[in-house]
Amino acid sequence: MELDTGTFNPDEFSWQGLMMTPAAAAHIRDLVSQQPDKQGLRLGIKNQRLPPVLVTYSS
């Protein structure tokens, strides 16, 4: 199985947000609070036809 990764630039698409479960949101919040110097987050998705997404955030 070949995996393709890349970055996602919301300026290049009609960005309408990202939906996740409350547990996933809590997990990400915990990760960000533990490592405040990080500038990105790699998210996996269940739909195997789409590549993983790199999401950047600012505090």
Protein backbone atom coordinates (compact mmCIF):
# COMPACT_ATOMS: atom_id res chain seq x y z
CA MET A 1 0.00 0.00 0.00
CA GLU A 2 1.42 3.36 -0.99
CA LEU A 3 0.77 6.34 1.24
CA ASP A 4 0.71 9.87 -0.06
CA THR A 5 1.22 12.80 2.29
CA GLY A 6 1.14 16.48 1.69
CA THR A 7 0.04 19.75 3.16
CA PHE A 8 -3.33 21.41 3.05
CA ASN A 9 -3.53 25.12 2.35
CA PRO A 10 -7.03 26.40 3.15
CA ASP A 11 -6.42 29.40 0.87
CA GLU A 12 -6.37 27.03 -2.11
CA PHE A 13 -9.76 25.46 -1.37
CA SER A 14 -13.23 26.38 -0.27
CA TRP A 15 -12.42 25.57 3.34
CA GLN A 16 -15.46 24.79 5.44
CA GLY A 17 -13.82 23.51 8.59
CA LEU A 18 -12.98 20.19 10.11
CA MET A 19 -15.35 17.94 12.03
CA MET A 20 -14.13 15.60 14.74
CA THR A 21 -15.48 13.77 17.73
CA PRO A 22 -15.36 15.41 21.17
CA ALA A 23 -12.79 12.80 22.22
CA ALA A 24 -10.55 13.67 19.26
CA ALA A 25 -10.84 17.39 20.02
CA ALA A 26 -9.91 16.76 23.67
CA HIS A 27 -6.93 14.65 22.59
CA ILE A 28 -5.65 17.39 20.27
CA ARG A 29 -6.18 20.04 22.97
CA ASP A 30 -4.11 17.93 25.39
CA LEU A 31 -1.33 17.42 22.84
CA VAL A 32 -1.14 21.14 22.07
CA SER A 33 -1.05 22.07 25.76
CA GLN A 34 1.78 19.58 26.40
CA GLN A 35 3.87 20.80 23.46
CA PRO A 36 3.12 24.52 22.95
CA ASP A 37 6.17 24.98 20.67
CA LYS A 38 4.69 22.71 17.98
CA GLN A 39 3.34 24.47 14.89
CA GLY A 40 1.52 21.66 13.15
CA LEU A 41 -0.53 18.56 13.64
CA ARG A 42 -0.89 15.54 11.39
CA LEU A 43 -4.38 14.14 11.27
CA GLY A 44 -5.32 10.71 9.98
CA ILE A 45 -8.68 10.17 8.35
CA LYS A 46 -10.82 7.08 8.02
CA ASN A 47 -11.53 7.47 4.31
CA GLN A 48 -8.50 5.66 2.86
CA ARG A 49 -8.92 7.30 -0.56
CA LEU A 50 -7.81 10.67 0.81
CA PRO A 51 -4.26 11.52 1.97
CA PRO A 52 -3.46 12.60 5.54
CA VAL A 53 -3.68 16.31 6.20
CA LEU A 54 -1.18 18.59 7.91
CA VAL A 55 -2.99 21.26 9.90
CA THR A 56 -1.11 24.24 11.27
CA TYR A 57 -2.36 26.23 14.22
CA SER A 58 -1.40 29.31 16.13
CA SER A 59 -1.90 30.09 19.79
